[in-house]
Amino acid sequence: EEEKVLLEFPTNNSTQIKNTKENYSQESNIRVKIKPSLIEDLIVHPSVFYKATNIDTLIREICQNK
């Protein structure tokens, strides 16, 4: 099992992260723990960051781009 690393990226304006009560403003960053093997996919597909409006979407986009 790979050790996960922490990624940080900007949210869309008023993004709400599922399963939390927090709303993030445009200036906020989301911190996400992810397996290192997936980071390459994010570099290849940086638009994943901007399409994702919540963590579920982010994970789904990463998996679709693998």
PDB file of N, CA and C in Angstrom:
ATOM      1  N   GLU A   1       0.850  -1.200   0.000  1.00  0.00           N
ATOM      2  CA  GLU A   1       0.000   0.000   0.000  1.00  0.00           C
ATOM      3  C   GLU A   1       0.881   1.244   0.000  1.00  0.00           C
ATOM      4  N   GLU A   2       0.693   2.073  -1.012  1.00  0.00           N
ATOM      5  CA  GLU A   2       1.486   3.295  -1.084  1.00  0.00           C
ATOM      6  C   GLU A   2       1.128   4.248   0.048  1.00  0.00           C
ATOM      7  N   GLU A   3       2.125   4.936   0.535  1.00  0.00           N
ATOM      8  CA  GLU A   3       1.850   6.006   1.483  1.00  0.00           C
ATOM      9  C   GLU A   3       1.308   7.194   0.704  1.00  0.00           C
ATOM     10  N   LYS A   4       0.263   7.819   1.225  1.00  0.00           N
ATOM     11  CA  LYS A   4      -0.347   8.926   0.499  1.00  0.00           C
ATOM     12  C   LYS A   4       0.384  10.227   0.806  1.00  0.00           C
ATOM     13  N   VAL A   5       0.419  11.099  -0.175  1.00  0.00           N
ATOM     14  CA  VAL A   5       1.032  12.408   0.013  1.00  0.00           C
ATOM     15  C   VAL A   5      -0.051  13.470  -0.040  1.00  0.00           C
ATOM     16  N   LEU A   6       0.252  14.622   0.508  1.00  0.00           N
ATOM     17  CA  LEU A   6      -0.729  15.695   0.591  1.00  0.00           C
ATOM     18  C   LEU A   6      -0.590  16.630  -0.601  1.00  0.00           C
ATOM     19  N   LEU A   7      -1.700  16.851  -1.302  1.00  0.00           N
ATOM     20  CA  LEU A   7      -1.740  17.824  -2.388  1.00  0.00           C
ATOM     21  C   LEU A   7      -2.617  18.987  -1.964  1.00  0.00           C
ATOM     22  N   GLU A   8      -2.299  20.154  -2.497  1.00  0.00           N
ATOM     23  CA  GLU A   8      -3.113  21.322  -2.190  1.00  0.00           C
ATOM     24  C   GLU A   8      -3.407  22.032  -3.507  1.00  0.00           C
ATOM     25  N   PHE A   9      -4.659  22.399  -3.715  1.00  0.00           N
ATOM     26  CA  PHE A   9      -5.002  23.085  -4.951  1.00  0.00           C
ATOM     27  C   PHE A   9      -6.172  24.018  -4.720  1.00  0.00           C
ATOM     28  N   PRO A  10      -6.292  25.058  -5.566  1.00  0.00           N
ATOM     29  CA  PRO A  10      -7.355  26.040  -5.356  1.00  0.00           C
ATOM     30  C   PRO A  10      -8.725  25.472  -5.688  1.00  0.00           C
ATOM     31  N   THR A  11      -9.714  25.942  -4.982  1.00  0.00           N
ATOM     32  CA  THR A  11     -11.086  25.528  -5.255  1.00  0.00           C
ATOM     33  C   THR A  11     -11.731  26.501  -6.224  1.00  0.00           C
ATOM     34  N   ASN A  12     -12.829  26.085  -6.795  1.00  0.00           N
ATOM     35  CA  ASN A  12     -13.699  27.019  -7.502  1.00  0.00           C
ATOM     36  C   ASN A  12     -14.394  27.891  -6.471  1.00  0.00           C
ATOM     37  N   ASN A  13     -14.895  29.021  -6.906  1.00  0.00           N
ATOM     38  CA  ASN A  13     -15.584  29.917  -5.984  1.00  0.00           C
ATOM     39  C   ASN A  13     -16.762  29.193  -5.330  1.00  0.00           C
ATOM     40  N   SER A  14     -16.885  29.328  -4.020  1.00  0.00           N
ATOM     41  CA  SER A  14     -17.999  28.761  -3.243  1.00  0.00           C
ATOM     42  C   SER A  14     -18.101  27.243  -3.380  1.00  0.00           C
ATOM     43  N   THR A  15     -16.988  26.612  -3.597  1.00  0.00           N
ATOM     44  CA  THR A  15     -16.985  25.151  -3.654  1.00  0.00           C
ATOM     45  C   THR A  15     -17.347  24.584  -2.292  1.00  0.00           C
ATOM     46  N   GLN A  16     -18.218  23.626  -2.281  1.00  0.00           N
ATOM     47  CA  GLN A  16     -18.532  22.932  -1.031  1.00  0.00           C
ATOM     48  C   GLN A  16     -18.001  21.515  -1.111  1.00  0.00           C
ATOM     49  N   ILE A  17     -17.235  21.145  -0.116  1.00  0.00           N
ATOM     50  CA  ILE A  17     -16.677  19.804  -0.084  1.00  0.00           C
ATOM     51  C   ILE A  17     -17.702  18.880   0.556  1.00  0.00           C
ATOM     52  N   LYS A  18     -18.003  17.787  -0.134  1.00  0.00           N
ATOM     53  CA  LYS A  18     -18.994  16.850   0.405  1.00  0.00           C
ATOM     54  C   LYS A  18     -18.532  16.312   1.755  1.00  0.00           C
ATOM     55  N   ASN A  19     -19.511  16.006   2.572  1.00  0.00           N
ATOM     56  CA  ASN A  19     -19.281  15.433   3.896  1.00  0.00           C
ATOM     57  C   ASN A  19     -18.601  16.402   4.855  1.00  0.00           C
ATOM     58  N   THR A  20     -18.576  17.688   4.523  1.00  0.00           N
ATOM     59  CA  THR A  20     -18.133  18.680   5.497  1.00  0.00           C
ATOM     60  C   THR A  20     -19.155  19.792   5.507  1.00  0.00           C
ATOM     61  N   LYS A  21     -19.122  20.576   6.542  1.00  0.00           N
ATOM     62  CA  LYS A  21     -20.044  21.700   6.619  1.00  0.00           C
ATOM     63  C   LYS A  21     -19.366  22.987   6.161  1.00  0.00           C
ATOM     64  N   GLU A  22     -18.113  22.876   5.741  1.00  0.00           N
ATOM     65  CA  GLU A  22     -17.364  24.076   5.395  1.00  0.00           C
ATOM     66  C   GLU A  22     -17.607  24.478   3.944  1.00  0.00           C
ATOM     67  N   ASN A  23     -17.778  25.752   3.741  1.00  0.00           N
ATOM     68  CA  ASN A  23     -17.749  26.300   2.388  1.00  0.00           C
ATOM     69  C   ASN A  23     -16.405  26.987   2.193  1.00  0.00           C
ATOM     70  N   TYR A  24     -15.820  26.785   1.047  1.00  0.00           N
ATOM     71  CA  TYR A  24     -14.517  27.363   0.771  1.00  0.00           C
ATOM     72  C   TYR A  24     -14.678  28.552  -0.170  1.00  0.00           C
ATOM     73  N   SER A  25     -14.026  29.626   0.171  1.00  0.00           N
ATOM     74  CA  SER A  25     -14.073  30.796  -0.708  1.00  0.00           C
ATOM     75  C   SER A  25     -13.086  30.601  -1.857  1.00  0.00           C
ATOM     76  N   GLN A  26     -13.092  31.538  -2.792  1.00  0.00           N
ATOM     77  CA  GLN A  26     -12.238  31.430  -3.976  1.00  0.00           C
ATOM     78  C   GLN A  26     -10.753  31.386  -3.595  1.00  0.00           C
ATOM     79  N   GLU A  27     -10.422  32.014  -2.467  1.00  0.00           N
ATOM     80  CA  GLU A  27      -9.016  32.076  -2.066  1.00  0.00           C
ATOM     81  C   GLU A  27      -8.561  30.801  -1.363  1.00  0.00           C
ATOM     82  N   SER A  28      -9.512  29.937  -1.059  1.00  0.00           N
ATOM     83  CA  SER A  28      -9.174  28.749  -0.268  1.00  0.00           C
ATOM     84  C   SER A  28      -8.458  27.698  -1.103  1.00  0.00           C
ATOM     85  N   ASN A  29      -7.791  26.831  -0.407  1.00  0.00           N
ATOM     86  CA  ASN A  29      -7.204  25.659  -1.038  1.00  0.00           C
ATOM     87  C   ASN A  29      -7.822  24.415  -0.431  1.00  0.00           C
ATOM     88  N   ILE A  30      -7.939  23.380  -1.251  1.00  0.00           N
ATOM     89  CA  ILE A  30      -8.352  22.071  -0.739  1.00  0.00           C
ATOM     90  C   ILE A  30      -7.079  21.256  -0.555  1.00  0.00           C
ATOM     91  N   ARG A  31      -7.001  20.588   0.568  1.00  0.00           N
ATOM     92  CA  ARG A  31      -5.880  19.666   0.774  1.00  0.00           C
ATOM     93  C   ARG A  31      -6.418  18.244   0.652  1.00  0.00           C
ATOM     94  N   VAL A  32      -5.710  17.465  -0.129  1.00  0.00           N
ATOM     95  CA  VAL A  32      -6.180  16.121  -0.435  1.00  0.00           C
ATOM     96  C   VAL A  32      -5.007  15.156  -0.308  1.00  0.00           C
ATOM     97  N   LYS A  33      -5.241  14.045   0.357  1.00  0.00           N
ATOM     98  CA  LYS A  33      -4.198  13.011   0.401  1.00  0.00           C
ATOM     99  C   LYS A  33      -4.434  12.039  -0.742  1.00  0.00           C
ATOM    100  N   ILE A  34      -3.367  11.722  -1.437  1.00  0.00           N
ATOM    101  CA  ILE A  34      -3.505  10.927  -2.655  1.00  0.00           C
ATOM    102  C   ILE A  34      -2.268  10.053  -2.833  1.00  0.00           C
ATOM    103  N   LYS A  35      -2.445   8.943  -3.489  1.00  0.00           N
ATOM    104  CA  LYS A  35      -1.309   8.050  -3.724  1.00  0.00           C
ATOM    105  C   LYS A  35      -0.353   8.690  -4.732  1.00  0.00           C
ATOM    106  N   PRO A  36       0.952   8.566  -4.500  1.00  0.00           N
ATOM    107  CA  PRO A  36       1.928   9.162  -5.414  1.00  0.00           C
ATOM    108  C   PRO A  36       1.754   8.715  -6.865  1.00  0.00           C
ATOM    109  N   SER A  37       1.312   7.479  -7.071  1.00  0.00           N
ATOM    110  CA  SER A  37       1.153   6.985  -8.442  1.00  0.00           C
ATOM    111  C   SER A  37       0.093   7.768  -9.208  1.00  0.00           C
ATOM    112  N   LEU A  38      -0.799   8.454  -8.487  1.00  0.00           N
ATOM    113  CA  LEU A  38      -1.835   9.230  -9.173  1.00  0.00           C
ATOM    114  C   LEU A  38      -1.366  10.638  -9.533  1.00  0.00           C
ATOM    115  N   ILE A  39      -0.262  11.070  -8.924  1.00  0.00           N
ATOM    116  CA  ILE A  39       0.174  12.452  -9.148  1.00  0.00           C
ATOM    117  C   ILE A  39       0.541  12.677 -10.606  1.00  0.00           C
ATOM    118  N   GLU A  40       1.174  11.691 -11.216  1.00  0.00           N
ATOM    119  CA  GLU A  40       1.538  11.818 -12.625  1.00  0.00           C
ATOM    120  C   GLU A  40       0.305  12.085 -13.481  1.00  0.00           C
ATOM    121  N   ASP A  41      -0.809  11.438 -13.141  1.00  0.00           N
ATOM    122  CA  ASP A  41      -2.048  11.659 -13.886  1.00  0.00           C
ATOM    123  C   ASP A  41      -2.498  13.108 -13.768  1.00  0.00           C
ATOM    124  N   LEU A  42      -2.272  13.695 -12.596  1.00  0.00           N
ATOM    125  CA  LEU A  42      -2.689  15.080 -12.399  1.00  0.00           C
ATOM    126  C   LEU A  42      -1.810  16.032 -13.197  1.00  0.00           C
ATOM    127  N   ILE A  43      -0.530  15.677 -13.319  1.00  0.00           N
ATOM    128  CA  ILE A  43       0.375  16.508 -14.112  1.00  0.00           C
ATOM    129  C   ILE A  43      -0.001  16.411 -15.591  1.00  0.00           C
ATOM    130  N   VAL A  44      -0.337  15.207 -16.027  1.00  0.00           N
ATOM    131  CA  VAL A  44      -0.741  15.002 -17.419  1.00  0.00           C
ATOM    132  C   VAL A  44      -2.103  15.643 -17.683  1.00  0.00           C
ATOM    133  N   HIS A  45      -2.965  15.630 -16.678  1.00  0.00           N
ATOM    134  CA  HIS A  45      -4.328  16.145 -16.845  1.00  0.00           C
ATOM    135  C   HIS A  45      -4.617  17.239 -15.812  1.00  0.00           C
ATOM    136  N   PRO A  46      -3.925  18.379 -15.921  1.00  0.00           N
ATOM    137  CA  PRO A  46      -4.102  19.417 -14.901  1.00  0.00           C
ATOM    138  C   PRO A  46      -5.518  19.973 -14.849  1.00  0.00           C
ATOM    139  N   SER A  47      -6.277  19.821 -15.936  1.00  0.00           N
ATOM    140  CA  SER A  47      -7.646  20.348 -15.939  1.00  0.00           C
ATOM    141  C   SER A  47      -8.518  19.632 -14.916  1.00  0.00           C
ATOM    142  N   VAL A  48      -8.078  18.459 -14.460  1.00  0.00           N
ATOM    143  CA  VAL A  48      -8.799  17.735 -13.416  1.00  0.00           C
ATOM    144  C   VAL A  48      -9.019  18.644 -12.214  1.00  0.00           C
ATOM    145  N   PHE A  49      -8.004  19.411 -11.868  1.00  0.00           N
ATOM    146  CA  PHE A  49      -8.110  20.295 -10.713  1.00  0.00           C
ATOM    147  C   PHE A  49      -9.239  21.295 -10.864  1.00  0.00           C
ATOM    148  N   TYR A  50      -9.422  21.782 -12.070  1.00  0.00           N
ATOM    149  CA  TYR A  50     -10.355  22.884 -12.264  1.00  0.00           C
ATOM    150  C   TYR A  50     -11.769  22.387 -12.527  1.00  0.00           C
ATOM    151  N   LYS A  51     -11.885  21.145 -12.991  1.00  0.00           N
ATOM    152  CA  LYS A  51     -13.213  20.563 -13.203  1.00  0.00           C
ATOM    153  C   LYS A  51     -13.816  20.082 -11.894  1.00  0.00           C
ATOM    154  N   ALA A  52     -12.955  19.703 -10.961  1.00  0.00           N
ATOM    155  CA  ALA A  52     -13.438  19.098  -9.727  1.00  0.00           C
ATOM    156  C   ALA A  52     -14.038  20.154  -8.809  1.00  0.00           C
ATOM    157  N   THR A  53     -15.281  19.932  -8.403  1.00  0.00           N
ATOM    158  CA  THR A  53     -15.908  20.853  -7.462  1.00  0.00           C
ATOM    159  C   THR A  53     -16.000  20.246  -6.073  1.00  0.00           C
ATOM    160  N   ASN A  54     -15.678  18.990  -5.950  1.00  0.00           N
ATOM    161  CA  ASN A  54     -15.581  18.373  -4.625  1.00  0.00           C
ATOM    162  C   ASN A  54     -14.645  17.175  -4.711  1.00  0.00           C
ATOM    163  N   ILE A  55     -14.351  16.629  -3.561  1.00  0.00           N
ATOM    164  CA  ILE A  55     -13.369  15.546  -3.505  1.00  0.00           C
ATOM    165  C   ILE A  55     -13.826  14.332  -4.308  1.00  0.00           C
ATOM    166  N   ASP A  56     -15.111  14.010  -4.229  1.00  0.00           N
ATOM    167  CA  ASP A  56     -15.624  12.870  -4.999  1.00  0.00           C
ATOM    168  C   ASP A  56     -15.377  13.058  -6.487  1.00  0.00           C
ATOM    169  N   THR A  57     -15.668  14.257  -6.969  1.00  0.00           N
ATOM    170  CA  THR A  57     -15.453  14.549  -8.390  1.00  0.00           C
ATOM    171  C   THR A  57     -13.978  14.447  -8.732  1.00  0.00           C
ATOM    172  N   LEU A  58     -13.132  14.970  -7.864  1.00  0.00           N
ATOM    173  CA  LEU A  58     -11.690  14.924  -8.101  1.00  0.00           C
ATOM    174  C   LEU A  58     -11.218  13.487  -8.257  1.00  0.00           C
ATOM    175  N   ILE A  59     -11.612  12.631  -7.329  1.00  0.00           N
ATOM    176  CA  ILE A  59     -11.190  11.232  -7.386  1.00  0.00           C
ATOM    177  C   ILE A  59     -11.720  10.567  -8.652  1.00  0.00           C
ATOM    178  N   ARG A  60     -12.973  10.841  -8.991  1.00  0.00           N
ATOM    179  CA  ARG A  60     -13.571  10.248 -10.187  1.00  0.00           C
ATOM    180  C   ARG A  60     -12.816  10.694 -11.436  1.00  0.00           C
ATOM    181  N   GLU A  61     -12.486  11.979 -11.511  1.00  0.00           N
ATOM    182  CA  GLU A  61     -11.761  12.490 -12.679  1.00  0.00           C
ATOM    183  C   GLU A  61     -10.382  11.847 -12.789  1.00  0.00           C
ATOM    184  N   ILE A  62      -9.724  11.696 -11.658  1.00  0.00           N
ATOM    185  CA  ILE A  62      -8.401  11.073 -11.680  1.00  0.00           C
ATOM    186  C   ILE A  62      -8.509   9.645 -12.202  1.00  0.00           C
ATOM    187  N   CYS A  63      -9.493   8.918 -11.700  1.00  0.00           N
ATOM    188  CA  CYS A  63      -9.654   7.518 -12.109  1.00  0.00           C
ATOM    189  C   CYS A  63     -10.000   7.403 -13.591  1.00  0.00           C
ATOM    190  N   GLN A  64     -10.822   8.321 -14.094  1.00  0.00           N
ATOM    191  CA  GLN A  64     -11.198   8.288 -15.509  1.00  0.00           C
ATOM    192  C   GLN A  64      -9.994   8.557 -16.402  1.00  0.00           C
ATOM    193  N   ASN A  65      -9.041   9.337 -15.895  1.00  0.00           N
ATOM    194  CA  ASN A  65      -7.891   9.707 -16.706  1.00  0.00           C
ATOM    195  C   ASN A  65      -6.729   8.733 -16.581  1.00  0.00           C
ATOM    196  N   LYS A  66      -6.891   7.705 -15.792  1.00  0.00           N
ATOM    197  CA  LYS A  66      -5.795   6.728 -15.626  1.00  0.00           C
ATOM    198  C   LYS A  66      -5.635   5.865 -16.873  1.00  0.00           C
TER     199      LYS A  66
END
